[in-house]
Amino acid sequence: MVKLDMRLLAERLRSLREAQGWSQTTLATRAGLDLGNVNELERQQKPSVRADTIVALADALHVSTDYLLGRTEAPSLPRKRPRPRTPAPVG
């Protein structure tokens, strides 16, 4: 089992939050989380984090969950590919 790097998560959360000019309170509100949860994550006081918390934070910060989790260095969300159009049946 791969162990989550809570230090990297904390660094990325803080960096992204500060780049937006947000307080921890603003991030918590936008993510639908308790302020204490955000604060403890940024100060590395949590041994683990729930998947739904990661998703909420990534959505609020407009980054991928993989970036927050340290699985990629690219913070941006993958671009959605347009679905190929299928021609309508004729006749």
PDB file of N, CA and C in Angstrom:
ATOM      1  N   MET A   1       0.841  -1.174   0.000  1.00  0.00           N
ATOM      2  CA  MET A   1       0.000   0.000   0.000  1.00  0.00           C
ATOM      3  C   MET A   1       0.893   1.247   0.000  1.00  0.00           C
ATOM      4  N   VAL A   2       0.531   2.228  -0.825  1.00  0.00           N
ATOM      5  CA  VAL A   2       1.278   3.472  -0.924  1.00  0.00           C
ATOM      6  C   VAL A   2       0.819   4.417   0.179  1.00  0.00           C
ATOM      7  N   LYS A   3       1.779   5.029   0.860  1.00  0.00           N
ATOM      8  CA  LYS A   3       1.460   5.957   1.940  1.00  0.00           C
ATOM      9  C   LYS A   3       1.398   7.379   1.380  1.00  0.00           C
ATOM     10  N   LEU A   4       0.380   8.100   1.763  1.00  0.00           N
ATOM     11  CA  LEU A   4       0.187   9.472   1.326  1.00  0.00           C
ATOM     12  C   LEU A   4       1.217  10.384   1.979  1.00  0.00           C
ATOM     13  N   ASP A   5       1.816  11.245   1.183  1.00  0.00           N
ATOM     14  CA  ASP A   5       2.790  12.209   1.684  1.00  0.00           C
ATOM     15  C   ASP A   5       2.026  13.423   2.206  1.00  0.00           C
ATOM     16  N   MET A   6       1.732  13.424   3.510  1.00  0.00           N
ATOM     17  CA  MET A   6       0.942  14.492   4.114  1.00  0.00           C
ATOM     18  C   MET A   6       1.687  15.826   4.100  1.00  0.00           C
ATOM     19  N   ARG A   7       3.013  15.790   4.103  1.00  0.00           N
ATOM     20  CA  ARG A   7       3.796  17.023   4.031  1.00  0.00           C
ATOM     21  C   ARG A   7       3.592  17.699   2.683  1.00  0.00           C
ATOM     22  N   LEU A   8       3.655  16.924   1.607  1.00  0.00           N
ATOM     23  CA  LEU A   8       3.461  17.467   0.268  1.00  0.00           C
ATOM     24  C   LEU A   8       2.033  17.989   0.108  1.00  0.00           C
ATOM     25  N   LEU A   9       1.072  17.248   0.612  1.00  0.00           N
ATOM     26  CA  LEU A   9      -0.325  17.696   0.561  1.00  0.00           C
ATOM     27  C   LEU A   9      -0.462  19.042   1.266  1.00  0.00           C
ATOM     28  N   ALA A  10       0.118  19.176   2.439  1.00  0.00           N
ATOM     29  CA  ALA A  10       0.044  20.424   3.202  1.00  0.00           C
ATOM     30  C   ALA A  10       0.673  21.575   2.429  1.00  0.00           C
ATOM     31  N   GLU A  11       1.834  21.338   1.832  1.00  0.00           N
ATOM     32  CA  GLU A  11       2.524  22.378   1.066  1.00  0.00           C
ATOM     33  C   GLU A  11       1.701  22.823  -0.133  1.00  0.00           C
ATOM     34  N   ARG A  12       1.137  21.858  -0.835  1.00  0.00           N
ATOM     35  CA  ARG A  12       0.350  22.195  -2.022  1.00  0.00           C
ATOM     36  C   ARG A  12      -0.936  22.925  -1.640  1.00  0.00           C
ATOM     37  N   LEU A  13      -1.586  22.492  -0.600  1.00  0.00           N
ATOM     38  CA  LEU A  13      -2.796  23.179  -0.150  1.00  0.00           C
ATOM     39  C   LEU A  13      -2.497  24.638   0.175  1.00  0.00           C
ATOM     40  N   ARG A  14      -1.490  24.853   0.987  1.00  0.00           N
ATOM     41  CA  ARG A  14      -1.143  26.215   1.404  1.00  0.00           C
ATOM     42  C   ARG A  14      -0.752  27.068   0.201  1.00  0.00           C
ATOM     43  N   SER A  15       0.087  26.526  -0.658  1.00  0.00           N
ATOM     44  CA  SER A  15       0.552  27.269  -1.823  1.00  0.00           C
ATOM     45  C   SER A  15      -0.608  27.656  -2.746  1.00  0.00           C
ATOM     46  N   LEU A  16      -1.476  26.716  -3.029  1.00  0.00           N
ATOM     47  CA  LEU A  16      -2.625  26.986  -3.897  1.00  0.00           C
ATOM     48  C   LEU A  16      -3.575  27.993  -3.255  1.00  0.00           C
ATOM     49  N   ARG A  17      -3.825  27.821  -1.975  1.00  0.00           N
ATOM     50  CA  ARG A  17      -4.725  28.731  -1.251  1.00  0.00           C
ATOM     51  C   ARG A  17      -4.168  30.149  -1.273  1.00  0.00           C
ATOM     52  N   GLU A  18      -2.903  30.295  -0.969  1.00  0.00           N
ATOM     53  CA  GLU A  18      -2.281  31.616  -0.938  1.00  0.00           C
ATOM     54  C   GLU A  18      -2.221  32.237  -2.333  1.00  0.00           C
ATOM     55  N   ALA A  19      -2.017  31.417  -3.369  1.00  0.00           N
ATOM     56  CA  ALA A  19      -1.993  31.933  -4.739  1.00  0.00           C
ATOM     57  C   ALA A  19      -3.344  32.536  -5.122  1.00  0.00           C
ATOM     58  N   GLN A  20      -4.411  32.001  -4.537  1.00  0.00           N
ATOM     59  CA  GLN A  20      -5.759  32.535  -4.774  1.00  0.00           C
ATOM     60  C   GLN A  20      -6.031  33.764  -3.914  1.00  0.00           C
ATOM     61  N   GLY A  21      -5.167  33.996  -2.925  1.00  0.00           N
ATOM     62  CA  GLY A  21      -5.385  35.098  -2.000  1.00  0.00           C
ATOM     63  C   GLY A  21      -6.457  34.775  -0.967  1.00  0.00           C
ATOM     64  N   TRP A  22      -6.660  33.485  -0.711  1.00  0.00           N
ATOM     65  CA  TRP A  22      -7.707  33.038   0.206  1.00  0.00           C
ATOM     66  C   TRP A  22      -7.146  32.768   1.595  1.00  0.00           C
ATOM     67  N   SER A  23      -7.980  32.985   2.583  1.00  0.00           N
ATOM     68  CA  SER A  23      -7.676  32.558   3.948  1.00  0.00           C
ATOM     69  C   SER A  23      -8.067  31.083   4.060  1.00  0.00           C
ATOM     70  N   GLN A  24      -7.668  30.469   5.152  1.00  0.00           N
ATOM     71  CA  GLN A  24      -8.105  29.088   5.399  1.00  0.00           C
ATOM     72  C   GLN A  24      -9.621  29.038   5.522  1.00  0.00           C
ATOM     73  N   THR A  25     -10.215  30.073   6.087  1.00  0.00           N
ATOM     74  CA  THR A  25     -11.672  30.126   6.234  1.00  0.00           C
ATOM     75  C   THR A  25     -12.348  30.131   4.871  1.00  0.00           C
ATOM     76  N   THR A  26     -11.807  30.902   3.942  1.00  0.00           N
ATOM     77  CA  THR A  26     -12.381  30.958   2.598  1.00  0.00           C
ATOM     78  C   THR A  26     -12.289  29.608   1.916  1.00  0.00           C
ATOM     79  N   LEU A  27     -11.129  28.966   2.003  1.00  0.00           N
ATOM     80  CA  LEU A  27     -10.977  27.648   1.395  1.00  0.00           C
ATOM     81  C   LEU A  27     -11.944  26.656   2.020  1.00  0.00           C
ATOM     82  N   ALA A  28     -12.038  26.658   3.327  1.00  0.00           N
ATOM     83  CA  ALA A  28     -12.947  25.737   4.012  1.00  0.00           C
ATOM     84  C   ALA A  28     -14.383  25.952   3.542  1.00  0.00           C
ATOM     85  N   THR A  29     -14.798  27.199   3.441  1.00  0.00           N
ATOM     86  CA  THR A  29     -16.159  27.512   3.004  1.00  0.00           C
ATOM     87  C   THR A  29     -16.386  27.046   1.575  1.00  0.00           C
ATOM     88  N   ARG A  30     -15.457  27.351   0.689  1.00  0.00           N
ATOM     89  CA  ARG A  30     -15.599  26.967  -0.717  1.00  0.00           C
ATOM     90  C   ARG A  30     -15.586  25.451  -0.914  1.00  0.00           C
ATOM     91  N   ALA A  31     -14.883  24.748  -0.034  1.00  0.00           N
ATOM     92  CA  ALA A  31     -14.805  23.287  -0.133  1.00  0.00           C
ATOM     93  C   ALA A  31     -15.900  22.597   0.677  1.00  0.00           C
ATOM     94  N   GLY A  32     -16.647  23.365   1.475  1.00  0.00           N
ATOM     95  CA  GLY A  32     -17.692  22.761   2.307  1.00  0.00           C
ATOM     96  C   GLY A  32     -17.131  21.970   3.469  1.00  0.00           C
ATOM     97  N   LEU A  33     -15.982  22.423   3.984  1.00  0.00           N
ATOM     98  CA  LEU A  33     -15.305  21.723   5.079  1.00  0.00           C
ATOM     99  C   LEU A  33     -15.250  22.605   6.316  1.00  0.00           C
ATOM    100  N   ASP A  34     -14.915  22.005   7.434  1.00  0.00           N
ATOM    101  CA  ASP A  34     -14.691  22.763   8.658  1.00  0.00           C
ATOM    102  C   ASP A  34     -13.336  23.442   8.583  1.00  0.00           C
ATOM    103  N   LEU A  35     -13.252  24.644   9.138  1.00  0.00           N
ATOM    104  CA  LEU A  35     -11.988  25.370   9.181  1.00  0.00           C
ATOM    105  C   LEU A  35     -10.910  24.543   9.873  1.00  0.00           C
ATOM    106  N   GLY A  36     -11.266  23.872  10.955  1.00  0.00           N
ATOM    107  CA  GLY A  36     -10.292  23.057  11.685  1.00  0.00           C
ATOM    108  C   GLY A  36      -9.680  21.973  10.824  1.00  0.00           C
ATOM    109  N   ASN A  37     -10.473  21.410   9.930  1.00  0.00           N
ATOM    110  CA  ASN A  37      -9.977  20.364   9.043  1.00  0.00           C
ATOM    111  C   ASN A  37      -8.905  20.917   8.110  1.00  0.00           C
ATOM    112  N   VAL A  38      -9.175  22.074   7.502  1.00  0.00           N
ATOM    113  CA  VAL A  38      -8.198  22.703   6.604  1.00  0.00           C
ATOM    114  C   VAL A  38      -6.943  23.081   7.385  1.00  0.00           C
ATOM    115  N   ASN A  39      -7.133  23.676   8.547  1.00  0.00           N
ATOM    116  CA  ASN A  39      -6.008  24.097   9.377  1.00  0.00           C
ATOM    117  C   ASN A  39      -5.127  22.914   9.763  1.00  0.00           C
ATOM    118  N   GLU A  40      -5.726  21.824  10.187  1.00  0.00           N
ATOM    119  CA  GLU A  40      -4.951  20.637  10.589  1.00  0.00           C
ATOM    120  C   GLU A  40      -4.224  20.015   9.400  1.00  0.00           C
ATOM    121  N   LEU A  41      -4.854  20.044   8.226  1.00  0.00           N
ATOM    122  CA  LEU A  41      -4.174  19.510   7.042  1.00  0.00           C
ATOM    123  C   LEU A  41      -2.953  20.349   6.690  1.00  0.00           C
ATOM    124  N   GLU A  42      -3.114  21.655   6.710  1.00  0.00           N
ATOM    125  CA  GLU A  42      -1.983  22.523   6.361  1.00  0.00           C
ATOM    126  C   GLU A  42      -0.860  22.453   7.399  1.00  0.00           C
ATOM    127  N   ARG A  43      -1.194  22.168   8.641  1.00  0.00           N
ATOM    128  CA  ARG A  43      -0.160  22.081   9.678  1.00  0.00           C
ATOM    129  C   ARG A  43       0.324  20.644   9.880  1.00  0.00           C
ATOM    130  N   GLN A  44      -0.100  19.752   9.005  1.00  0.00           N
ATOM    131  CA  GLN A  44       0.319  18.338   9.035  1.00  0.00           C
ATOM    132  C   GLN A  44      -0.019  17.663  10.356  1.00  0.00           C
ATOM    133  N   GLN A  45      -1.162  17.983  10.904  1.00  0.00           N
ATOM    134  CA  GLN A  45      -1.566  17.381  12.170  1.00  0.00           C
ATOM    135  C   GLN A  45      -2.538  16.226  11.989  1.00  0.00           C
ATOM    136  N   LYS A  46      -2.804  15.853  10.767  1.00  0.00           N
ATOM    137  CA  LYS A  46      -3.676  14.713  10.499  1.00  0.00           C
ATOM    138  C   LYS A  46      -2.824  13.578   9.932  1.00  0.00           C
ATOM    139  N   PRO A  47      -3.017  12.374  10.421  1.00  0.00           N
ATOM    140  CA  PRO A  47      -2.240  11.248   9.894  1.00  0.00           C
ATOM    141  C   PRO A  47      -2.754  10.769   8.541  1.00  0.00           C
ATOM    142  N   SER A  48      -4.003  11.116   8.223  1.00  0.00           N
ATOM    143  CA  SER A  48      -4.597  10.694   6.959  1.00  0.00           C
ATOM    144  C   SER A  48      -5.710  11.668   6.595  1.00  0.00           C
ATOM    145  N   VAL A  49      -6.269  11.476   5.412  1.00  0.00           N
ATOM    146  CA  VAL A  49      -7.344  12.357   4.954  1.00  0.00           C
ATOM    147  C   VAL A  49      -8.325  11.515   4.141  1.00  0.00           C
ATOM    148  N   ARG A  50      -9.586  11.846   4.273  1.00  0.00           N
ATOM    149  CA  ARG A  50     -10.627  11.096   3.557  1.00  0.00           C
ATOM    150  C   ARG A  50     -10.646  11.483   2.085  1.00  0.00           C
ATOM    151  N   ALA A  51     -11.049  10.548   1.264  1.00  0.00           N
ATOM    152  CA  ALA A  51     -11.109  10.786  -0.182  1.00  0.00           C
ATOM    153  C   ALA A  51     -12.067  11.928  -0.514  1.00  0.00           C
ATOM    154  N   ASP A  52     -13.204  11.993   0.144  1.00  0.00           N
ATOM    155  CA  ASP A  52     -14.156  13.058  -0.169  1.00  0.00           C
ATOM    156  C   ASP A  52     -13.611  14.435   0.215  1.00  0.00           C
ATOM    157  N   THR A  53     -12.744  14.491   1.190  1.00  0.00           N
ATOM    158  CA  THR A  53     -12.098  15.754   1.563  1.00  0.00           C
ATOM    159  C   THR A  53     -11.131  16.193   0.471  1.00  0.00           C
ATOM    160  N   ILE A  54     -10.353  15.266  -0.058  1.00  0.00           N
ATOM    161  CA  ILE A  54      -9.428  15.568  -1.151  1.00  0.00           C
ATOM    162  C   ILE A  54     -10.195  16.069  -2.371  1.00  0.00           C
ATOM    163  N   VAL A  55     -11.286  15.404  -2.703  1.00  0.00           N
ATOM    164  CA  VAL A  55     -12.094  15.814  -3.858  1.00  0.00           C
ATOM    165  C   VAL A  55     -12.648  17.219  -3.648  1.00  0.00           C
ATOM    166  N   ALA A  56     -13.164  17.498  -2.456  1.00  0.00           N
ATOM    167  CA  ALA A  56     -13.729  18.817  -2.164  1.00  0.00           C
ATOM    168  C   ALA A  56     -12.661  19.909  -2.272  1.00  0.00           C
ATOM    169  N   LEU A  57     -11.474  19.643  -1.744  1.00  0.00           N
ATOM    170  CA  LEU A  57     -10.390  20.624  -1.813  1.00  0.00           C
ATOM    171  C   LEU A  57      -9.932  20.834  -3.253  1.00  0.00           C
ATOM    172  N   ALA A  58      -9.781  19.760  -4.001  1.00  0.00           N
ATOM    173  CA  ALA A  58      -9.351  19.867  -5.397  1.00  0.00           C
ATOM    174  C   ALA A  58     -10.376  20.652  -6.216  1.00  0.00           C
ATOM    175  N   ASP A  59     -11.651  20.368  -6.003  1.00  0.00           N
ATOM    176  CA  ASP A  59     -12.695  21.097  -6.731  1.00  0.00           C
ATOM    177  C   ASP A  59     -12.664  22.579  -6.384  1.00  0.00           C
ATOM    178  N   ALA A  60     -12.532  22.903  -5.112  1.00  0.00           N
ATOM    179  CA  ALA A  60     -12.517  24.306  -4.685  1.00  0.00           C
ATOM    180  C   ALA A  60     -11.301  25.036  -5.260  1.00  0.00           C
ATOM    181  N   LEU A  61     -10.173  24.358  -5.344  1.00  0.00           N
ATOM    182  CA  LEU A  61      -8.933  24.975  -5.822  1.00  0.00           C
ATOM    183  C   LEU A  61      -8.741  24.844  -7.330  1.00  0.00           C
ATOM    184  N   HIS A  62      -9.644  24.133  -7.998  1.00  0.00           N
ATOM    185  CA  HIS A  62      -9.596  23.925  -9.449  1.00  0.00           C
ATOM    186  C   HIS A  62      -8.310  23.237  -9.890  1.00  0.00           C
ATOM    187  N   VAL A  63      -7.949  22.184  -9.160  1.00  0.00           N
ATOM    188  CA  VAL A  63      -6.808  21.352  -9.522  1.00  0.00           C
ATOM    189  C   VAL A  63      -7.252  19.896  -9.487  1.00  0.00           C
ATOM    190  N   SER A  64      -6.413  19.030  -9.976  1.00  0.00           N
ATOM    191  CA  SER A  64      -6.746  17.604  -9.949  1.00  0.00           C
ATOM    192  C   SER A  64      -6.436  17.014  -8.566  1.00  0.00           C
ATOM    193  N   THR A  65      -7.140  15.970  -8.242  1.00  0.00           N
ATOM    194  CA  THR A  65      -6.856  15.260  -6.996  1.00  0.00           C
ATOM    195  C   THR A  65      -5.460  14.654  -7.061  1.00  0.00           C
ATOM    196  N   ASP A  66      -5.050  14.216  -8.242  1.00  0.00           N
ATOM    197  CA  ASP A  66      -3.713  13.642  -8.396  1.00  0.00           C
ATOM    198  C   ASP A  66      -2.634  14.652  -8.023  1.00  0.00           C
ATOM    199  N   TYR A  67      -2.846  15.919  -8.350  1.00  0.00           N
ATOM    200  CA  TYR A  67      -1.871  16.942  -7.996  1.00  0.00           C
ATOM    201  C   TYR A  67      -1.793  17.090  -6.472  1.00  0.00           C
ATOM    202  N   LEU A  68      -2.935  17.199  -5.823  1.00  0.00           N
ATOM    203  CA  LEU A  68      -2.932  17.335  -4.360  1.00  0.00           C
ATOM    204  C   LEU A  68      -2.268  16.142  -3.689  1.00  0.00           C
ATOM    205  N   LEU A  69      -2.471  14.974  -4.258  1.00  0.00           N
ATOM    206  CA  LEU A  69      -1.934  13.746  -3.669  1.00  0.00           C
ATOM    207  C   LEU A  69      -0.476  13.479  -4.047  1.00  0.00           C
ATOM    208  N   GLY A  70       0.098  14.333  -4.893  1.00  0.00           N
ATOM    209  CA  GLY A  70       1.499  14.156  -5.266  1.00  0.00           C
ATOM    210  C   GLY A  70       1.726  13.110  -6.330  1.00  0.00           C
ATOM    211  N   ARG A  71       0.678  12.753  -7.062  1.00  0.00           N
ATOM    212  CA  ARG A  71       0.812  11.732  -8.101  1.00  0.00           C
ATOM    213  C   ARG A  71       1.169  12.334  -9.450  1.00  0.00           C
ATOM    214  N   THR A  72       1.129  13.656  -9.546  1.00  0.00           N
ATOM    215  CA  THR A  72       1.527  14.363 -10.756  1.00  0.00           C
ATOM    216  C   THR A  72       2.065  15.731 -10.366  1.00  0.00           C
ATOM    217  N   GLU A  73       2.866  16.298 -11.230  1.00  0.00           N
ATOM    218  CA  GLU A  73       3.388  17.647 -10.998  1.00  0.00           C
ATOM    219  C   GLU A  73       2.549  18.700 -11.703  1.00  0.00           C
ATOM    220  N   ALA A  74       1.584  18.266 -12.496  1.00  0.00           N
ATOM    221  CA  ALA A  74       0.734  19.200 -13.246  1.00  0.00           C
ATOM    222  C   ALA A  74      -0.521  19.503 -12.439  1.00  0.00           C
ATOM    223  N   PRO A  75      -0.680  20.747 -11.980  1.00  0.00           N
ATOM    224  CA  PRO A  75      -1.833  21.063 -11.147  1.00  0.00           C
ATOM    225  C   PRO A  75      -3.145  21.158 -11.898  1.00  0.00           C
ATOM    226  N   SER A  76      -3.081  21.361 -13.206  1.00  0.00           N
ATOM    227  CA  SER A  76      -4.317  21.598 -13.938  1.00  0.00           C
ATOM    228  C   SER A  76      -5.117  20.321 -14.133  1.00  0.00           C
ATOM    229  N   LEU A  77      -6.411  20.524 -14.260  1.00  0.00           N
ATOM    230  CA  LEU A  77      -7.303  19.416 -14.542  1.00  0.00           C
ATOM    231  C   LEU A  77      -7.091  18.969 -15.979  1.00  0.00           C
ATOM    232  N   PRO A  78      -7.268  17.676 -16.242  1.00  0.00           N
ATOM    233  CA  PRO A  78      -7.134  17.233 -17.631  1.00  0.00           C
ATOM    234  C   PRO A  78      -8.229  17.886 -18.478  1.00  0.00           C
ATOM    235  N   ARG A  79      -7.864  18.271 -19.678  1.00  0.00           N
ATOM    236  CA  ARG A  79      -8.848  18.881 -20.573  1.00  0.00           C
ATOM    237  C   ARG A  79      -9.825  17.827 -21.035  1.00  0.00           C
ATOM    238  N   LYS A  80     -11.079  18.205 -21.084  1.00  0.00           N
ATOM    239  CA  LYS A  80     -12.096  17.274 -21.574  1.00  0.00           C
ATOM    240  C   LYS A  80     -11.998  17.206 -23.092  1.00  0.00           C
ATOM    241  N   ARG A  81     -11.980  16.000 -23.578  1.00  0.00           N
ATOM    242  CA  ARG A  81     -11.936  15.815 -25.023  1.00  0.00           C
ATOM    243  C   ARG A  81     -13.366  15.852 -25.551  1.00  0.00           C
ATOM    244  N   PRO A  82     -13.552  16.527 -26.662  1.00  0.00           N
ATOM    245  CA  PRO A  82     -14.903  16.506 -27.227  1.00  0.00           C
ATOM    246  C   PRO A  82     -15.234  15.101 -27.703  1.00  0.00           C
ATOM    247  N   ARG A  83     -16.455  14.717 -27.457  1.00  0.00           N
ATOM    248  CA  ARG A  83     -16.876  13.396 -27.926  1.00  0.00           C
ATOM    249  C   ARG A  83     -16.989  13.412 -29.430  1.00  0.00           C
ATOM    250  N   PRO A  84     -16.512  12.356 -30.077  1.00  0.00           N
ATOM    251  CA  PRO A  84     -16.622  12.325 -31.534  1.00  0.00           C
ATOM    252  C   PRO A  84     -18.098  12.255 -31.941  1.00  0.00           C
ATOM    253  N   ARG A  85     -18.402  12.988 -32.954  1.00  0.00           N
ATOM    254  CA  ARG A  85     -19.781  12.990 -33.430  1.00  0.00           C
ATOM    255  C   ARG A  85     -19.996  11.799 -34.341  1.00  0.00           C
ATOM    256  N   THR A  86     -21.147  11.210 -34.183  1.00  0.00           N
ATOM    257  CA  THR A  86     -21.504  10.120 -35.082  1.00  0.00           C
ATOM    258  C   THR A  86     -22.542  10.670 -36.046  1.00  0.00           C
ATOM    259  N   PRO A  87     -22.373  10.383 -37.298  1.00  0.00           N
ATOM    260  CA  PRO A  87     -23.321  10.919 -38.263  1.00  0.00           C
ATOM    261  C   PRO A  87     -24.719  10.345 -38.042  1.00  0.00           C
ATOM    262  N   ALA A  88     -25.691  11.178 -38.266  1.00  0.00           N
ATOM    263  CA  ALA A  88     -27.079  10.727 -38.141  1.00  0.00           C
ATOM    264  C   ALA A  88     -27.393   9.790 -39.297  1.00  0.00           C
ATOM    265  N   PRO A  89     -28.194   8.766 -39.000  1.00  0.00           N
ATOM    266  CA  PRO A  89     -28.548   7.840 -40.090  1.00  0.00           C
ATOM    267  C   PRO A  89     -29.370   8.570 -41.161  1.00  0.00           C
ATOM    268  N   VAL A  90     -29.064   8.223 -42.371  1.00  0.00           N
ATOM    269  CA  VAL A  90     -29.757   8.850 -43.488  1.00  0.00           C
ATOM    270  C   VAL A  90     -30.755   7.838 -44.065  1.00  0.00           C
ATOM    271  N   GLY A  91     -31.937   8.342 -44.296  1.00  0.00           N
ATOM    272  CA  GLY A  91     -32.901   7.677 -45.023  1.00  0.00           C
ATOM    273  C   GLY A  91     -33.669   6.553 -44.734  1.00  0.00           C
TER     274      GLY A  91
END
